[in-house]
Amino acid sequence: MIYFTKHARDKFAVLKRHKFEVTRKQVEGAVNKPDIIDNSRLPLLIAQIKIDKTHVLRVVYKQADKNLIKIITFYPGRTKQYEG
Protein backbone atom coordinates (compact mmCIF):
# COMPACT_ATOMS: atom_id res chain seq x y z
CA MET A 1 0.00 0.00 0.00
CA ILE A 2 1.23 3.49 -0.86
CA TYR A 3 0.34 6.41 1.41
CA PHE A 4 0.85 10.07 0.42
CA THR A 5 1.57 12.60 3.16
CA LYS A 6 -0.38 15.87 3.03
CA HIS A 7 2.72 17.60 1.69
CA ALA A 8 2.99 15.04 -1.12
CA ARG A 9 -0.71 15.33 -1.97
CA ASP A 10 -0.39 19.14 -2.10
CA LYS A 11 2.68 18.87 -4.33
CA PHE A 12 0.55 17.83 -7.34
CA ALA A 13 -1.18 21.24 -7.33
CA VAL A 14 2.06 23.14 -6.72
CA LEU A 15 3.75 21.55 -9.73
CA LYS A 16 0.64 22.04 -11.88
CA ARG A 17 0.74 25.79 -11.09
CA HIS A 18 4.33 25.77 -12.35
CA LYS A 19 3.19 24.08 -15.57
CA PHE A 20 4.85 20.77 -14.70
CA GLU A 21 2.16 18.18 -14.22
CA VAL A 22 2.99 14.95 -12.46
CA THR A 23 0.42 12.22 -11.97
CA ARG A 24 -0.14 9.90 -9.04
CA LYS A 25 0.48 7.02 -11.46
CA GLN A 26 3.94 8.41 -12.31
CA VAL A 27 4.84 8.77 -8.63
CA GLU A 28 3.66 5.26 -7.79
CA GLY A 29 5.42 3.92 -10.88
CA ALA A 30 8.69 5.49 -9.75
CA VAL A 31 8.44 3.71 -6.41
CA ASN A 32 7.28 0.38 -7.84
CA LYS A 33 9.70 0.27 -10.77
CA PRO A 34 12.48 2.84 -10.36
CA ASP A 35 15.32 3.37 -12.81
CA ILE A 36 17.57 4.22 -9.85
CA ILE A 37 17.21 4.16 -6.05
CA ASP A 38 19.35 6.58 -4.06
CA ASN A 39 19.81 5.34 -0.49
CA SER A 40 22.26 8.04 0.60
CA ARG A 41 19.66 9.57 2.93
CA LEU A 42 18.59 6.46 4.85
CA PRO A 43 16.05 5.78 6.27
CA LEU A 44 14.60 7.83 3.40
CA LEU A 45 14.86 6.40 -0.10
CA ILE A 46 14.75 8.37 -3.34
CA ALA A 47 13.33 6.57 -6.36
CA GLN A 48 14.06 8.08 -9.76
CA ILE A 49 12.57 7.58 -13.20
CA LYS A 50 13.10 9.36 -16.48
CA ILE A 51 9.93 11.24 -17.50
CA ASP A 52 11.08 12.86 -20.73
CA LYS A 53 14.25 13.61 -22.66
CA THR A 54 15.46 16.27 -20.23
CA HIS A 55 13.73 15.49 -16.91
CA VAL A 56 13.62 12.87 -14.20
CA LEU A 57 11.09 12.45 -11.42
CA ARG A 58 12.53 11.91 -7.95
CA VAL A 59 10.28 10.50 -5.23
CA VAL A 60 11.33 10.67 -1.58
CA TYR A 61 9.71 7.92 0.45
CA LYS A 62 10.04 5.76 3.51
CA GLN A 63 9.28 2.06 3.81
CA ALA A 64 7.06 2.35 6.92
CA ASP A 65 6.76 -1.43 7.15
CA LYS A 66 6.85 -4.27 4.66
CA ASN A 67 3.33 -3.46 3.40
CA LEU A 68 3.33 0.35 3.62
CA ILE A 69 5.27 2.92 1.62
CA LYS A 70 4.98 6.52 2.79
CA ILE A 71 5.55 9.12 0.03
CA ILE A 72 7.13 12.18 1.64
CA THR A 73 7.58 14.38 -1.43
CA PHE A 74 8.51 14.27 -5.10
CA TYR A 75 10.04 16.68 -7.53
CA PRO A 76 11.18 16.92 -11.13
CA GLY A 77 14.83 17.47 -11.89
CA ARG A 78 16.95 17.96 -14.95
CA THR A 79 18.42 14.72 -16.26
CA LYS A 80 21.93 16.17 -16.50
CA GLN A 81 21.87 17.04 -12.78
CA TYR A 82 20.88 13.58 -11.54
CA GLU A 83 22.27 11.13 -14.08
CA GLY A 84 25.94 10.57 -14.72
C-alpha atoms as a PDB file:
ATOM      1  CA  MET A   1       0.000   0.000   0.000  1.00  0.00           C
ATOM      2  CA  ILE A   2       1.233   3.490  -0.856  1.00  0.00           C
ATOM      3  CA  TYR A   3       0.338   6.412   1.413  1.00  0.00           C
ATOM      4  CA  PHE A   4       0.853  10.067   0.417  1.00  0.00           C
ATOM      5  CA  THR A   5       1.574  12.602   3.157  1.00  0.00           C
ATOM      6  CA  LYS A   6      -0.378  15.868   3.029  1.00  0.00           C
ATOM      7  CA  HIS A   7       2.720  17.596   1.689  1.00  0.00           C
ATOM      8  CA  ALA A   8       2.995  15.036  -1.122  1.00  0.00           C
ATOM      9  CA  ARG A   9      -0.713  15.333  -1.972  1.00  0.00           C
ATOM     10  CA  ASP A  10      -0.390  19.135  -2.103  1.00  0.00           C
ATOM     11  CA  LYS A  11       2.683  18.868  -4.334  1.00  0.00           C
ATOM     12  CA  PHE A  12       0.547  17.826  -7.336  1.00  0.00           C
ATOM     13  CA  ALA A  13      -1.185  21.241  -7.334  1.00  0.00           C
ATOM     14  CA  VAL A  14       2.063  23.136  -6.722  1.00  0.00           C
ATOM     15  CA  LEU A  15       3.748  21.550  -9.730  1.00  0.00           C
ATOM     16  CA  LYS A  16       0.642  22.045 -11.877  1.00  0.00           C
ATOM     17  CA  ARG A  17       0.735  25.794 -11.093  1.00  0.00           C
ATOM     18  CA  HIS A  18       4.328  25.770 -12.348  1.00  0.00           C
ATOM     19  CA  LYS A  19       3.185  24.084 -15.571  1.00  0.00           C
ATOM     20  CA  PHE A  20       4.855  20.773 -14.697  1.00  0.00           C
ATOM     21  CA  GLU A  21       2.158  18.180 -14.218  1.00  0.00           C
ATOM     22  CA  VAL A  22       2.995  14.946 -12.463  1.00  0.00           C
ATOM     23  CA  THR A  23       0.416  12.217 -11.974  1.00  0.00           C
ATOM     24  CA  ARG A  24      -0.136   9.904  -9.041  1.00  0.00           C
ATOM     25  CA  LYS A  25       0.479   7.019 -11.458  1.00  0.00           C
ATOM     26  CA  GLN A  26       3.943   8.415 -12.308  1.00  0.00           C
ATOM     27  CA  VAL A  27       4.844   8.772  -8.627  1.00  0.00           C
ATOM     28  CA  GLU A  28       3.658   5.262  -7.792  1.00  0.00           C
ATOM     29  CA  GLY A  29       5.423   3.921 -10.883  1.00  0.00           C
ATOM     30  CA  ALA A  30       8.691   5.495  -9.750  1.00  0.00           C
ATOM     31  CA  VAL A  31       8.443   3.710  -6.410  1.00  0.00           C
ATOM     32  CA  ASN A  32       7.279   0.385  -7.842  1.00  0.00           C
ATOM     33  CA  LYS A  33       9.699   0.268 -10.773  1.00  0.00           C
ATOM     34  CA  PRO A  34      12.481   2.844 -10.362  1.00  0.00           C
ATOM     35  CA  ASP A  35      15.319   3.366 -12.810  1.00  0.00           C
ATOM     36  CA  ILE A  36      17.569   4.222  -9.846  1.00  0.00           C
ATOM     37  CA  ILE A  37      17.212   4.158  -6.053  1.00  0.00           C
ATOM     38  CA  ASP A  38      19.347   6.584  -4.061  1.00  0.00           C
ATOM     39  CA  ASN A  39      19.805   5.341  -0.489  1.00  0.00           C
ATOM     40  CA  SER A  40      22.263   8.039   0.599  1.00  0.00           C
ATOM     41  CA  ARG A  41      19.665   9.565   2.928  1.00  0.00           C
ATOM     42  CA  LEU A  42      18.590   6.458   4.847  1.00  0.00           C
ATOM     43  CA  PRO A  43      16.048   5.781   6.274  1.00  0.00           C
ATOM     44  CA  LEU A  44      14.597   7.829   3.399  1.00  0.00           C
ATOM     45  CA  LEU A  45      14.861   6.404  -0.099  1.00  0.00           C
ATOM     46  CA  ILE A  46      14.752   8.370  -3.344  1.00  0.00           C
ATOM     47  CA  ALA A  47      13.331   6.575  -6.364  1.00  0.00           C
ATOM     48  CA  GLN A  48      14.060   8.076  -9.755  1.00  0.00           C
ATOM     49  CA  ILE A  49      12.568   7.584 -13.199  1.00  0.00           C
ATOM     50  CA  LYS A  50      13.099   9.359 -16.480  1.00  0.00           C
ATOM     51  CA  ILE A  51       9.927  11.243 -17.500  1.00  0.00           C
ATOM     52  CA  ASP A  52      11.082  12.855 -20.730  1.00  0.00           C
ATOM     53  CA  LYS A  53      14.254  13.608 -22.662  1.00  0.00           C
ATOM     54  CA  THR A  54      15.462  16.269 -20.235  1.00  0.00           C
ATOM     55  CA  HIS A  55      13.725  15.492 -16.914  1.00  0.00           C
ATOM     56  CA  VAL A  56      13.619  12.873 -14.198  1.00  0.00           C
ATOM     57  CA  LEU A  57      11.086  12.453 -11.422  1.00  0.00           C
ATOM     58  CA  ARG A  58      12.531  11.915  -7.949  1.00  0.00           C
ATOM     59  CA  VAL A  59      10.284  10.502  -5.226  1.00  0.00           C
ATOM     60  CA  VAL A  60      11.335  10.670  -1.580  1.00  0.00           C
ATOM     61  CA  TYR A  61       9.712   7.921   0.453  1.00  0.00           C
ATOM     62  CA  LYS A  62      10.043   5.758   3.510  1.00  0.00           C
ATOM     63  CA  GLN A  63       9.280   2.063   3.814  1.00  0.00           C
ATOM     64  CA  ALA A  64       7.065   2.346   6.920  1.00  0.00           C
ATOM     65  CA  ASP A  65       6.757  -1.430   7.155  1.00  0.00           C
ATOM     66  CA  LYS A  66       6.850  -4.266   4.661  1.00  0.00           C
ATOM     67  CA  ASN A  67       3.328  -3.464   3.399  1.00  0.00           C
ATOM     68  CA  LEU A  68       3.325   0.351   3.621  1.00  0.00           C
ATOM     69  CA  ILE A  69       5.273   2.917   1.623  1.00  0.00           C
ATOM     70  CA  LYS A  70       4.982   6.516   2.788  1.00  0.00           C
ATOM     71  CA  ILE A  71       5.550   9.115   0.035  1.00  0.00           C
ATOM     72  CA  ILE A  72       7.131  12.184   1.642  1.00  0.00           C
ATOM     73  CA  THR A  73       7.578  14.380  -1.429  1.00  0.00           C
ATOM     74  CA  PHE A  74       8.505  14.270  -5.099  1.00  0.00           C
ATOM     75  CA  TYR A  75      10.041  16.683  -7.532  1.00  0.00           C
ATOM     76  CA  PRO A  76      11.180  16.924 -11.130  1.00  0.00           C
ATOM     77  CA  GLY A  77      14.830  17.467 -11.888  1.00  0.00           C
ATOM     78  CA  ARG A  78      16.954  17.961 -14.949  1.00  0.00           C
ATOM     79  CA  THR A  79      18.424  14.721 -16.260  1.00  0.00           C
ATOM     80  CA  LYS A  80      21.927  16.170 -16.501  1.00  0.00           C
ATOM     81  CA  GLN A  81      21.872  17.037 -12.782  1.00  0.00           C
ATOM     82  CA  TYR A  82      20.881  13.579 -11.538  1.00  0.00           C
ATOM     83  CA  GLU A  83      22.268  11.133 -14.078  1.00  0.00           C
ATOM     84  CA  GLY A  84      25.944  10.569 -14.722  1.00  0.00           C
END
